[in-house]
N, C-alpha and C. Protein backbone atom coordinates (compact mmCIF):
# COMPACT_ATOMS: atom_id res chain seq x y z
N UNK A 1 9.38 42.02 136.21
CA UNK A 1 7.92 41.94 136.23
C UNK A 1 7.03 40.40 136.12
N UNK A 2 6.12 40.75 136.81
CA UNK A 2 5.77 39.26 137.32
C UNK A 2 4.34 39.33 136.52
N UNK A 3 3.86 38.30 136.04
CA UNK A 3 2.24 37.90 135.98
C UNK A 3 1.92 36.91 137.13
N UNK A 4 0.38 36.96 137.48
CA UNK A 4 0.12 36.29 138.80
C UNK A 4 -0.97 35.74 138.13
N UNK A 5 -1.32 34.49 139.08
CA UNK A 5 -2.79 33.59 139.17
C UNK A 5 -2.80 33.75 140.35
N UNK A 6 -4.47 33.84 140.55
CA UNK A 6 -5.00 33.62 142.03
C UNK A 6 -5.97 32.62 141.98
N UNK A 7 -5.93 31.33 142.93
CA UNK A 7 -6.60 30.47 143.03
C UNK A 7 -7.23 30.39 144.40
N UNK A 8 -8.49 30.49 143.83
CA UNK A 8 -9.35 30.35 145.58
C UNK A 8 -9.09 28.61 146.38
N UNK A 9 -9.06 28.88 147.15
CA UNK A 9 -8.80 27.45 147.95
C UNK A 9 -10.15 27.33 149.08
N UNK A 10 -10.23 25.80 149.88
CA UNK A 10 -11.45 25.83 150.55
C UNK A 10 -11.23 26.23 151.93
N UNK A 11 -12.29 27.14 152.72
CA UNK A 11 -12.26 27.92 153.71
C UNK A 11 -11.62 27.28 154.64
N UNK A 12 -12.42 25.81 154.86
CA UNK A 12 -12.63 24.60 155.69
C UNK A 12 -12.42 23.19 155.41
N UNK A 13 -11.36 22.80 155.72
CA UNK A 13 -11.04 21.21 155.42
C UNK A 13 -12.31 19.91 156.21
N UNK A 14 -12.61 19.05 155.55
CA UNK A 14 -13.67 18.16 156.19
C UNK A 14 -12.89 16.93 156.55
N UNK A 15 -12.22 16.56 158.05
CA UNK A 15 -11.44 15.29 157.80
C UNK A 15 -12.22 14.37 159.02
N UNK A 16 -12.37 12.63 158.93
CA UNK A 16 -12.76 12.20 159.83
C UNK A 16 -11.70 12.22 161.42
N UNK A 17 -12.66 12.21 162.25
CA UNK A 17 -11.93 12.32 163.21
C UNK A 17 -11.05 10.88 163.73
N UNK A 18 -10.66 9.74 163.44
CA UNK A 18 -10.13 9.17 163.67
C UNK A 18 -8.55 8.94 162.75
N UNK A 19 -8.77 10.01 161.50
CA UNK A 19 -7.66 10.41 160.83
C UNK A 19 -7.14 11.87 161.35
N UNK A 20 -7.94 12.33 162.20
CA UNK A 20 -7.68 13.50 162.30
C UNK A 20 -6.09 13.79 162.45
N UNK A 21 -4.72 14.40 162.18
CA UNK A 21 -3.51 14.31 162.77
C UNK A 21 -2.90 16.26 163.50
N UNK A 22 -4.11 16.83 163.00
CA UNK A 22 -3.25 18.19 162.93
C UNK A 22 -2.47 18.70 162.77
N UNK A 23 -2.48 18.44 161.09
CA UNK A 23 -1.72 19.25 160.09
C UNK A 23 -2.55 19.03 158.84
N UNK A 24 -3.59 18.93 158.88
CA UNK A 24 -4.37 19.02 157.67
C UNK A 24 -4.08 20.17 157.20
N UNK A 25 -4.48 21.07 157.07
CA UNK A 25 -4.41 22.21 156.90
C UNK A 25 -3.02 22.51 155.50
N UNK A 26 -2.15 22.12 156.29
CA UNK A 26 -0.42 22.60 156.18
C UNK A 26 -0.53 21.88 155.18
N UNK A 27 -0.88 20.46 155.09
CA UNK A 27 -0.75 19.57 154.01
C UNK A 27 -1.36 19.60 152.88
N UNK A 28 -2.52 20.15 153.28
CA UNK A 28 -3.42 21.01 151.89
C UNK A 28 -2.91 21.71 151.00
N UNK A 29 -2.52 22.75 151.76
CA UNK A 29 -1.86 24.28 151.05
C UNK A 29 -0.41 23.29 150.93
N UNK A 30 0.22 22.82 151.15
CA UNK A 30 1.24 22.34 150.54
C UNK A 30 1.20 21.62 148.98
N UNK A 31 0.30 20.99 149.43
CA UNK A 31 -0.13 20.13 148.01
C UNK A 31 -0.17 21.35 146.85
N UNK A 32 -1.05 22.09 147.22
CA UNK A 32 -2.01 22.81 146.10
C UNK A 32 -0.53 23.96 145.37
N UNK A 33 0.27 24.27 146.95
CA UNK A 33 1.66 24.94 146.06
C UNK A 33 2.71 24.14 145.50
N UNK A 34 2.70 23.18 145.75
CA UNK A 34 3.69 22.40 145.22
C UNK A 34 2.56 22.11 143.33
N UNK A 35 1.88 21.89 143.87
CA UNK A 35 0.79 21.67 141.70
C UNK A 35 1.22 22.71 141.52
N UNK A 36 1.02 24.22 141.90
CA UNK A 36 1.61 24.96 140.45
C UNK A 36 2.68 25.30 140.93
N UNK A 37 3.86 24.91 141.64
CA UNK A 37 5.45 25.17 141.15
C UNK A 37 5.70 24.71 140.24
N UNK A 38 4.93 23.14 140.21
CA UNK A 38 5.77 22.13 139.14
C UNK A 38 5.50 22.61 137.61
N UNK A 39 4.06 23.80 137.53
CA UNK A 39 4.03 25.01 136.54
C UNK A 39 5.30 26.19 136.49
N UNK A 40 5.83 26.16 137.11
CA UNK A 40 6.58 27.01 137.30
C UNK A 40 6.17 28.38 137.69
N UNK A 41 4.98 28.16 139.26
CA UNK A 41 4.26 29.35 139.76
C UNK A 41 5.26 29.59 141.02
N UNK A 42 5.52 30.29 141.71
CA UNK A 42 5.91 30.68 142.96
C UNK A 42 5.14 31.24 143.85
N UNK A 43 4.91 30.54 145.00
CA UNK A 43 3.99 31.28 145.81
C UNK A 43 4.15 32.53 146.66
N UNK A 44 3.43 33.51 146.43
CA UNK A 44 3.26 34.67 146.72
C UNK A 44 2.59 35.24 147.95
N UNK A 45 1.80 34.57 148.52
CA UNK A 45 1.10 35.13 149.63
C UNK A 45 -0.09 34.05 149.77
N UNK A 46 -1.01 34.82 150.63
CA UNK A 46 -2.33 34.27 150.97
C UNK A 46 -3.21 35.20 151.43
N UNK A 47 -4.65 35.72 150.93
CA UNK A 47 -5.48 36.51 151.06
C UNK A 47 -6.45 35.84 151.62
N UNK A 48 -7.45 36.63 152.30
CA UNK A 48 -8.58 36.19 152.87
C UNK A 48 -9.71 37.23 152.80
N UNK A 49 -10.72 37.08 151.52
CA UNK A 49 -11.37 38.28 151.25
C UNK A 49 -12.99 37.84 151.33
N UNK A 50 -13.89 38.78 152.19
CA UNK A 50 -14.95 39.12 152.42
C UNK A 50 -15.63 38.89 150.97
N UNK A 51 -17.03 38.52 151.08
CA UNK A 51 -17.90 38.80 149.69
C UNK A 51 -19.30 38.56 150.25
N UNK A 52 -20.11 40.05 150.43
CA UNK A 52 -21.10 40.74 151.14
C UNK A 52 -22.40 39.96 149.98
N UNK A 53 -23.21 38.94 150.69
CA UNK A 53 -24.06 38.52 149.23
C UNK A 53 -25.47 39.75 149.95
N UNK A 54 -26.08 40.33 149.04
CA UNK A 54 -27.07 40.74 149.24
C UNK A 54 -28.37 40.41 148.76
N UNK A 55 -29.59 40.29 149.54
CA UNK A 55 -31.14 39.11 149.19
C UNK A 55 -31.59 40.29 148.56
N UNK A 56 -32.43 39.19 147.68
CA UNK A 56 -33.14 39.97 147.02
C UNK A 56 -34.03 40.63 147.12
N UNK A 57 -34.82 41.17 146.40
CA UNK A 57 -36.72 42.30 146.70
C UNK A 57 -36.99 41.84 147.08
N UNK A 58 -37.60 40.59 147.30
CA UNK A 58 -38.33 39.89 148.12
C UNK A 58 -37.95 39.33 149.34
N UNK A 59 -36.95 38.81 149.62
CA UNK A 59 -35.93 38.35 150.73
C UNK A 59 -35.75 39.48 151.33
N UNK A 60 -35.50 40.67 151.09
CA UNK A 60 -35.07 41.80 151.92
C UNK A 60 -36.20 42.13 152.31
N UNK A 61 -37.38 42.50 151.72
CA UNK A 61 -38.97 42.79 152.29
C UNK A 61 -38.96 41.86 153.16
N UNK A 62 -38.58 40.22 153.16
CA UNK A 62 -39.29 39.73 154.59
C UNK A 62 -38.09 39.64 155.32
N UNK A 63 -37.45 41.04 155.60
CA UNK A 63 -36.63 40.86 156.62
C UNK A 63 -34.92 39.92 156.49
N UNK A 64 -34.95 39.58 155.61
CA UNK A 64 -33.75 38.75 155.48
C UNK A 64 -32.21 39.47 155.19
N UNK A 65 -31.45 39.95 155.99
CA UNK A 65 -29.94 40.42 155.65
C UNK A 65 -28.79 39.93 155.12
N UNK A 66 -28.11 40.92 154.68
CA UNK A 66 -26.98 40.64 154.07
C UNK A 66 -26.17 39.71 154.52
N UNK A 67 -25.25 38.57 154.31
CA UNK A 67 -24.58 37.54 154.63
C UNK A 67 -23.16 38.07 154.20
N UNK A 68 -22.59 37.79 154.47
CA UNK A 68 -20.81 37.71 154.35
C UNK A 68 -20.25 36.67 153.98
N UNK A 69 -19.64 35.72 153.27
CA UNK A 69 -18.93 34.40 153.20
C UNK A 69 -17.43 35.01 153.15
N UNK A 70 -16.75 34.04 153.87
CA UNK A 70 -15.22 34.58 153.52
C UNK A 70 -14.83 33.36 152.86
N UNK A 71 -13.89 34.00 151.73
CA UNK A 71 -12.84 32.83 150.59
C UNK A 71 -11.34 33.13 151.17
N UNK A 72 -10.68 32.27 150.64
CA UNK A 72 -9.06 32.08 150.48
C UNK A 72 -8.82 32.38 149.22
N UNK A 73 -7.68 33.18 149.32
CA UNK A 73 -7.20 33.29 147.67
C UNK A 73 -5.55 32.95 147.57
N UNK A 74 -5.20 32.04 147.34
CA UNK A 74 -3.34 31.77 147.36
C UNK A 74 -3.05 32.76 145.82
N UNK A 75 -2.09 33.74 146.52
CA UNK A 75 -1.50 34.21 144.98
C UNK A 75 -0.02 33.75 144.74
N UNK A 76 -0.28 32.91 143.18
CA UNK A 76 1.14 33.06 142.83
C UNK A 76 1.74 33.85 141.76
N UNK A 77 3.30 33.64 141.77
CA UNK A 77 3.38 34.58 140.24
C UNK A 77 4.44 34.33 139.54
N UNK A 78 4.97 34.74 138.81
CA UNK A 78 5.93 34.14 137.54
C UNK A 78 6.83 35.32 137.29
N UNK A 79 7.75 35.27 136.78
CA UNK A 79 8.46 36.42 136.31
C UNK A 79 8.49 35.93 134.54
N UNK A 80 8.15 37.35 134.31
CA UNK A 80 8.05 36.99 132.16
C UNK A 80 9.16 37.97 132.15
């Protein structure tokens, strides 16, 4: 049996052009995974989850539509 931990990570990484190496995403995720591994958590998977934001009453009356934000969640697991 496992217990699970979900960690929301940034959908975008900002890097100065002069420091761009092409491996920023991998380095970022590696650091997050290693940080949790130190506490005994095993990397399980990454999921992309869309969250639809509904406008309030007055905004909807003004024609504002729902918008979707995309989030990324890393799932870790630990055997119990």
